[in-house]
Structure formats: structure tokens, C-alpha cells
Amino acid sequence: MAKKDFIASFDLETSNLYADFGVVLCGVVKPWGKAPVVFQQTDVSSDDSEVVKKLVAELDKYTILLAHNGVRFDRPFLNTRATKYGMPILSPRSNIIDPVIVARRHLRMGGNSLENLARYLGTKHQKSKVEGYLWQKATLDGDKDALAAIIKHCIIDVLVLEEVTEMLVPFIGRITEWGSA
């Protein structure tokens, strides 16, 4: 097996919260300290197989993944879609550092959303808002400008995610190529 790159943040934007009747609109993978890479549907449709295939292949290059709510949402959503197409999946045992789990375990805050954590921790990047009508226009009308706004939101999410994770390292422990201590 080829040596894997060490660590990357990732986020998905989907048409809804359930993968059995939703699709992946886009995913952003950000290798630690490097520029984000965007994977997206070119024309939004019910066939998201190409974006799913490319995302799983890219994420498989990393030893450790960072994903806010990635254990309960991002990985299962992506794996559900990949399974539909008979494609390889992200290992259910892959090393994911999930700041929402870290926050629930070690912090006592009014909410553990990425937005709350970023605001409280004072990160340089802050979450953006995407109005509901943009999701409708992107998914129902195929509006490319609306999809571009969603993709921009996803890029900002991985920037925020990397900063929040870096600030939570004292709670995570030492991070090595085998996971966190």
C-alpha cells in the first residue's frame, strides 16, 4: 500500500439530510495547511456517482480525516451513496477526528455546532450562512450561481474546521499518523 498523506479536513454539502433520497452536491477536501480542493456535480442531478467516486478516492489518500459531525453525518452519507453505486467506501474504522464529539466530551457550551465553536474560540475564519432559497434554487432549478454560493460555504467550513481542530488539540491529544493518543 502506498504511503498516505497525513491529515485533511473535509465537508459535504448535500441536497438533504438523508442519503437514501438525497445527493452529494459538493465536497471539499483540505489537506492540512494546504489549499482546499473542490469536488462538485457539474450539473446537479440525481446521479452523484462521479462526485462520490472522486471524493472517496481523495479521502482515502489520508491517514486522518477531520470532519465536524463527520462520524454521524459526512462519512455515513458518503458511504450510503457509494454503496448505492457499488463503489468503495470510506472505512467505518477510518481515523476521524470529529470536533463535535471532542466538544461534547470536553467542553460545556450551549451548542457544539462548528459556528458556535468558531465564534467562541475566536477563529480567523467564521461560518457563512446559506439562505434556504439558495438550496432550493441549486437543487430544484439547477441554478449554477446558487450552487457556487453553496460551494463557497463548504470551502469556508473546511477553513473554519481546520482552525477549530487546531485549537482543540489539547483535548484531542497527540495526533500521529496512527490517530490521536
C-alpha atoms as a PDB file:
ATOM      1  CA  MET A   1       0.000   0.000   0.000  1.00  0.00           C
ATOM      2  CA  ALA A   2       1.304   3.456  -0.873  1.00  0.00           C
ATOM      3  CA  LYS A   3       2.143   5.808   1.978  1.00  0.00           C
ATOM      4  CA  LYS A   4      -0.829   8.006   2.716  1.00  0.00           C
ATOM      5  CA  ASP A   5      -0.761  11.730   3.230  1.00  0.00           C
ATOM      6  CA  PHE A   6      -1.239  12.589   6.858  1.00  0.00           C
ATOM      7  CA  ILE A   7      -4.331  14.700   7.588  1.00  0.00           C
ATOM      8  CA  ALA A   8      -7.139  16.515   5.763  1.00  0.00           C
ATOM      9  CA  SER A   9     -10.351  18.316   6.655  1.00  0.00           C
ATOM     10  CA  PHE A  10     -13.470  17.604   4.653  1.00  0.00           C
ATOM     11  CA  ASP A  11     -17.061  18.698   4.426  1.00  0.00           C
ATOM     12  CA  LEU A  12     -20.044  17.738   2.281  1.00  0.00           C
ATOM     13  CA  GLU A  13     -22.984  19.761   1.120  1.00  0.00           C
ATOM     14  CA  THR A  14     -25.967  17.614   0.254  1.00  0.00           C
ATOM     15  CA  SER A  15     -29.460  18.068  -1.102  1.00  0.00           C
ATOM     16  CA  ASN A  16     -30.945  16.978   2.234  1.00  0.00           C
ATOM     17  CA  LEU A  17     -30.004  15.092   5.392  1.00  0.00           C
ATOM     18  CA  TYR A  18     -30.844  11.546   4.257  1.00  0.00           C
ATOM     19  CA  ALA A  19     -28.649   9.797   1.713  1.00  0.00           C
ATOM     20  CA  ASP A  20     -31.283   7.310   0.590  1.00  0.00           C
ATOM     21  CA  PHE A  21     -33.138  10.129  -1.149  1.00  0.00           C
ATOM     22  CA  GLY A  22     -30.550  12.896  -1.238  1.00  0.00           C
ATOM     23  CA  VAL A  23     -27.393  13.509  -3.238  1.00  0.00           C
ATOM     24  CA  VAL A  24     -23.951  14.995  -2.699  1.00  0.00           C
ATOM     25  CA  LEU A  25     -23.870  18.440  -4.276  1.00  0.00           C
ATOM     26  CA  CYS A  26     -20.224  19.050  -3.452  1.00  0.00           C
ATOM     27  CA  GLY A  27     -17.439  18.090  -1.132  1.00  0.00           C
ATOM     28  CA  VAL A  28     -14.311  19.982  -0.174  1.00  0.00           C
ATOM     29  CA  VAL A  29     -11.116  18.310   0.974  1.00  0.00           C
ATOM     30  CA  LYS A  30      -8.413  20.462   2.556  1.00  0.00           C
ATOM     31  CA  PRO A  31      -5.054  18.848   3.202  1.00  0.00           C
ATOM     32  CA  TRP A  32      -3.664  20.291   6.454  1.00  0.00           C
ATOM     33  CA  GLY A  33      -2.019  23.645   5.752  1.00  0.00           C
ATOM     34  CA  LYS A  34      -2.767  23.491   2.021  1.00  0.00           C
ATOM     35  CA  ALA A  35      -5.425  24.857  -0.307  1.00  0.00           C
ATOM     36  CA  PRO A  36      -8.900  23.289  -0.403  1.00  0.00           C
ATOM     37  CA  VAL A  37      -9.833  21.031  -3.321  1.00  0.00           C
ATOM     38  CA  VAL A  38     -13.443  21.157  -4.529  1.00  0.00           C
ATOM     39  CA  PHE A  39     -15.376  18.171  -5.883  1.00  0.00           C
ATOM     40  CA  GLN A  40     -18.796  19.016  -7.288  1.00  0.00           C
ATOM     41  CA  GLN A  41     -21.535  17.912  -9.581  1.00  0.00           C
ATOM     42  CA  THR A  42     -21.222  19.800 -12.845  1.00  0.00           C
ATOM     43  CA  ASP A  43     -24.964  19.682 -13.388  1.00  0.00           C
ATOM     44  CA  VAL A  44     -26.982  18.866 -10.269  1.00  0.00           C
ATOM     45  CA  SER A  45     -28.876  15.637 -10.826  1.00  0.00           C
ATOM     46  CA  SER A  46     -29.920  12.510  -9.006  1.00  0.00           C
ATOM     47  CA  ASP A  47     -26.761  10.812 -10.312  1.00  0.00           C
ATOM     48  CA  ASP A  48     -23.982  11.932  -7.980  1.00  0.00           C
ATOM     49  CA  SER A  49     -21.825   8.870  -8.687  1.00  0.00           C
ATOM     50  CA  GLU A  50     -18.855  10.768 -10.162  1.00  0.00           C
ATOM     51  CA  VAL A  51     -18.529  13.230  -7.293  1.00  0.00           C
ATOM     52  CA  VAL A  52     -18.958  10.395  -4.757  1.00  0.00           C
ATOM     53  CA  LYS A  53     -16.306   8.277  -6.504  1.00  0.00           C
ATOM     54  CA  LYS A  54     -13.819  11.158  -6.636  1.00  0.00           C
ATOM     55  CA  LEU A  55     -14.428  12.174  -3.019  1.00  0.00           C
ATOM     56  CA  VAL A  56     -13.944   8.663  -1.637  1.00  0.00           C
ATOM     57  CA  ALA A  57     -10.777   8.219  -3.714  1.00  0.00           C
ATOM     58  CA  GLU A  58      -9.366  11.550  -2.487  1.00  0.00           C
ATOM     59  CA  LEU A  59     -10.265  10.962   1.165  1.00  0.00           C
ATOM     60  CA  ASP A  60      -8.711   7.505   1.045  1.00  0.00           C
ATOM     61  CA  LYS A  61      -5.321   9.189   0.491  1.00  0.00           C
ATOM     62  CA  TYR A  62      -5.254  10.482   4.090  1.00  0.00           C
ATOM     63  CA  THR A  63      -4.472   8.723   7.344  1.00  0.00           C
ATOM     64  CA  ILE A  64      -6.611  11.039   9.489  1.00  0.00           C
ATOM     65  CA  LEU A  65      -9.721  12.953   8.463  1.00  0.00           C
ATOM     66  CA  LEU A  66     -11.222  15.962  10.222  1.00  0.00           C
ATOM     67  CA  ALA A  67     -14.964  16.394   9.859  1.00  0.00           C
ATOM     68  CA  HIS A  68     -17.392  18.258  12.097  1.00  0.00           C
ATOM     69  CA  ASN A  69     -20.182  15.747  12.726  1.00  0.00           C
ATOM     70  CA  GLY A  70     -18.294  13.524  10.304  1.00  0.00           C
ATOM     71  CA  VAL A  71     -18.803  10.367  12.359  1.00  0.00           C
ATOM     72  CA  ARG A  72     -22.593  10.693  12.360  1.00  0.00           C
ATOM     73  CA  PHE A  73     -23.211  12.526   9.071  1.00  0.00           C
ATOM     74  CA  ASP A  74     -20.481  13.050   6.461  1.00  0.00           C
ATOM     75  CA  ARG A  75     -18.907   9.565   6.411  1.00  0.00           C
ATOM     76  CA  PRO A  76     -22.275   7.701   6.624  1.00  0.00           C
ATOM     77  CA  PHE A  77     -23.829   9.923   3.944  1.00  0.00           C
ATOM     78  CA  LEU A  78     -20.911   9.412   1.575  1.00  0.00           C
ATOM     79  CA  ASN A  79     -20.823   5.670   2.284  1.00  0.00           C
ATOM     80  CA  THR A  80     -24.555   5.334   1.696  1.00  0.00           C
ATOM     81  CA  ARG A  81     -24.208   6.964  -1.703  1.00  0.00           C
ATOM     82  CA  ALA A  82     -21.102   4.904  -2.587  1.00  0.00           C
ATOM     83  CA  THR A  83     -22.883   1.690  -1.578  1.00  0.00           C
ATOM     84  CA  LYS A  84     -25.770   2.549  -3.910  1.00  0.00           C
ATOM     85  CA  TYR A  85     -23.305   2.586  -6.812  1.00  0.00           C
ATOM     86  CA  GLY A  86     -21.316  -0.475  -5.705  1.00  0.00           C
ATOM     87  CA  MET A  87     -18.228   1.668  -5.128  1.00  0.00           C
ATOM     88  CA  PRO A  88     -15.516   1.502  -2.479  1.00  0.00           C
ATOM     89  CA  ILE A  89     -16.453   3.229   0.786  1.00  0.00           C
ATOM     90  CA  LEU A  90     -14.575   5.130   3.466  1.00  0.00           C
ATOM     91  CA  SER A  91     -13.620   2.597   6.085  1.00  0.00           C
ATOM     92  CA  PRO A  92     -16.025   2.678   9.034  1.00  0.00           C
ATOM     93  CA  ARG A  93     -12.887   2.284  11.146  1.00  0.00           C
ATOM     94  CA  SER A  94     -11.009   5.159   9.486  1.00  0.00           C
ATOM     95  CA  ASN A  95      -9.487   7.708  11.833  1.00  0.00           C
ATOM     96  CA  ILE A  96     -11.822  10.692  12.019  1.00  0.00           C
ATOM     97  CA  ILE A  97     -11.271  13.497  14.471  1.00  0.00           C
ATOM     98  CA  ASP A  98     -14.716  14.984  14.964  1.00  0.00           C
ATOM     99  CA  PRO A  99     -14.750  18.320  16.826  1.00  0.00           C
ATOM    100  CA  VAL A 100     -18.416  17.931  17.737  1.00  0.00           C
ATOM    101  CA  ILE A 101     -17.549  14.767  19.705  1.00  0.00           C
ATOM    102  CA  VAL A 102     -14.499  16.436  21.260  1.00  0.00           C
ATOM    103  CA  ALA A 103     -16.608  19.440  22.302  1.00  0.00           C
ATOM    104  CA  ARG A 104     -19.396  17.285  23.768  1.00  0.00           C
ATOM    105  CA  ARG A 105     -16.865  15.287  25.762  1.00  0.00           C
ATOM    106  CA  HIS A 106     -14.585  18.074  26.997  1.00  0.00           C
ATOM    107  CA  LEU A 107     -16.402  21.416  26.838  1.00  0.00           C
ATOM    108  CA  ARG A 108     -19.628  22.693  28.348  1.00  0.00           C
ATOM    109  CA  MET A 109     -21.172  25.023  25.801  1.00  0.00           C
ATOM    110  CA  GLY A 110     -24.699  25.989  24.849  1.00  0.00           C
ATOM    111  CA  GLY A 111     -24.176  24.269  21.486  1.00  0.00           C
ATOM    112  CA  ASN A 112     -21.409  22.357  19.793  1.00  0.00           C
ATOM    113  CA  SER A 113     -22.008  23.469  16.226  1.00  0.00           C
ATOM    114  CA  LEU A 114     -18.994  24.490  14.191  1.00  0.00           C
ATOM    115  CA  GLU A 115     -20.395  28.018  14.155  1.00  0.00           C
ATOM    116  CA  ASN A 116     -20.608  28.181  17.976  1.00  0.00           C
ATOM    117  CA  LEU A 117     -17.143  26.708  18.436  1.00  0.00           C
ATOM    118  CA  ALA A 118     -15.565  29.079  15.905  1.00  0.00           C
ATOM    119  CA  ARG A 119     -17.260  32.107  17.425  1.00  0.00           C
ATOM    120  CA  TYR A 120     -16.334  31.130  20.988  1.00  0.00           C
ATOM    121  CA  LEU A 121     -12.748  30.253  20.100  1.00  0.00           C
ATOM    122  CA  GLY A 122     -12.344  33.408  18.003  1.00  0.00           C
ATOM    123  CA  THR A 123     -11.077  31.750  14.850  1.00  0.00           C
ATOM    124  CA  LYS A 124      -9.894  33.892  11.955  1.00  0.00           C
ATOM    125  CA  HIS A 125     -12.482  32.360   9.628  1.00  0.00           C
ATOM    126  CA  GLN A 126     -16.124  32.257  10.671  1.00  0.00           C
ATOM    127  CA  LYS A 127     -19.003  30.204   9.286  1.00  0.00           C
ATOM    128  CA  SER A 128     -21.074  31.666   6.489  1.00  0.00           C
ATOM    129  CA  LYS A 129     -24.829  31.461   6.082  1.00  0.00           C
ATOM    130  CA  VAL A 130     -26.595  29.998   3.082  1.00  0.00           C
ATOM    131  CA  GLU A 131     -30.211  31.044   2.764  1.00  0.00           C
ATOM    132  CA  GLY A 132     -32.775  28.288   2.189  1.00  0.00           C
ATOM    133  CA  TYR A 133     -33.863  29.680  -1.148  1.00  0.00           C
ATOM    134  CA  LEU A 134     -30.313  29.121  -2.488  1.00  0.00           C
ATOM    135  CA  TRP A 135     -30.542  25.412  -1.606  1.00  0.00           C
ATOM    136  CA  GLN A 136     -33.873  25.259  -3.435  1.00  0.00           C
ATOM    137  CA  LYS A 137     -32.524  27.069  -6.493  1.00  0.00           C
ATOM    138  CA  ALA A 138     -29.401  24.890  -6.631  1.00  0.00           C
ATOM    139  CA  THR A 139     -31.183  21.575  -6.143  1.00  0.00           C
ATOM    140  CA  LEU A 140     -34.533  22.143  -7.823  1.00  0.00           C
ATOM    141  CA  ASP A 141     -33.653  24.639 -10.546  1.00  0.00           C
ATOM    142  CA  GLY A 142     -30.038  23.680 -11.241  1.00  0.00           C
ATOM    143  CA  ASP A 143     -29.027  27.302 -10.635  1.00  0.00           C
ATOM    144  CA  LYS A 144     -25.233  27.461 -11.021  1.00  0.00           C
ATOM    145  CA  ASP A 145     -24.906  30.729  -9.060  1.00  0.00           C
ATOM    146  CA  ALA A 146     -26.770  29.218  -6.125  1.00  0.00           C
ATOM    147  CA  LEU A 147     -24.550  26.123  -6.295  1.00  0.00           C
ATOM    148  CA  ALA A 148     -21.485  28.386  -6.366  1.00  0.00           C
ATOM    149  CA  ALA A 149     -22.694  30.032  -3.122  1.00  0.00           C
ATOM    150  CA  ILE A 150     -23.095  26.593  -1.519  1.00  0.00           C
ATOM    151  CA  ILE A 151     -19.607  25.578  -2.652  1.00  0.00           C
ATOM    152  CA  LYS A 152     -18.144  28.798  -1.229  1.00  0.00           C
ATOM    153  CA  HIS A 153     -19.896  27.973   2.071  1.00  0.00           C
ATOM    154  CA  CYS A 154     -18.351  24.479   2.024  1.00  0.00           C
ATOM    155  CA  ILE A 155     -14.854  25.900   1.412  1.00  0.00           C
ATOM    156  CA  ILE A 156     -15.237  28.257   4.365  1.00  0.00           C
ATOM    157  CA  ASP A 157     -16.397  25.327   6.507  1.00  0.00           C
ATOM    158  CA  VAL A 158     -13.153  23.403   5.968  1.00  0.00           C
ATOM    159  CA  LEU A 159     -11.097  26.516   6.734  1.00  0.00           C
ATOM    160  CA  VAL A 160     -13.022  27.006   9.988  1.00  0.00           C
ATOM    161  CA  LEU A 161     -12.824  23.285  10.743  1.00  0.00           C
ATOM    162  CA  GLU A 162      -9.037  23.237  10.490  1.00  0.00           C
ATOM    163  CA  GLU A 163      -8.723  26.253  12.807  1.00  0.00           C
ATOM    164  CA  VAL A 164     -11.172  24.870  15.379  1.00  0.00           C
ATOM    165  CA  THR A 165      -9.443  21.482  15.374  1.00  0.00           C
ATOM    166  CA  GLU A 166      -6.064  23.112  15.901  1.00  0.00           C
ATOM    167  CA  MET A 167      -7.449  24.931  18.946  1.00  0.00           C
ATOM    168  CA  LEU A 168      -8.942  21.690  20.311  1.00  0.00           C
ATOM    169  CA  VAL A 169      -5.693  19.690  20.078  1.00  0.00           C
ATOM    170  CA  PRO A 170      -5.145  19.931  23.869  1.00  0.00           C
ATOM    171  CA  PHE A 171      -8.361  17.897  24.288  1.00  0.00           C
ATOM    172  CA  ILE A 172      -7.581  15.505  21.456  1.00  0.00           C
ATOM    173  CA  GLY A 173      -4.068  14.597  22.492  1.00  0.00           C
ATOM    174  CA  ARG A 174      -1.079  13.968  20.336  1.00  0.00           C
ATOM    175  CA  ILE A 175      -2.001  13.315  16.719  1.00  0.00           C
ATOM    176  CA  THR A 176       0.170  10.806  14.877  1.00  0.00           C
ATOM    177  CA  GLU A 177      -0.172   9.000  11.576  1.00  0.00           C
ATOM    178  CA  TRP A 178      -1.969   6.226  13.504  1.00  0.00           C
ATOM    179  CA  GLY A 179      -4.562   8.530  15.047  1.00  0.00           C
ATOM    180  CA  SER A 180      -4.720  10.563  18.227  1.00  0.00           C
ATOM    181  CA  ALA A 181      -3.243   9.471  21.548  1.00  0.00           C
END
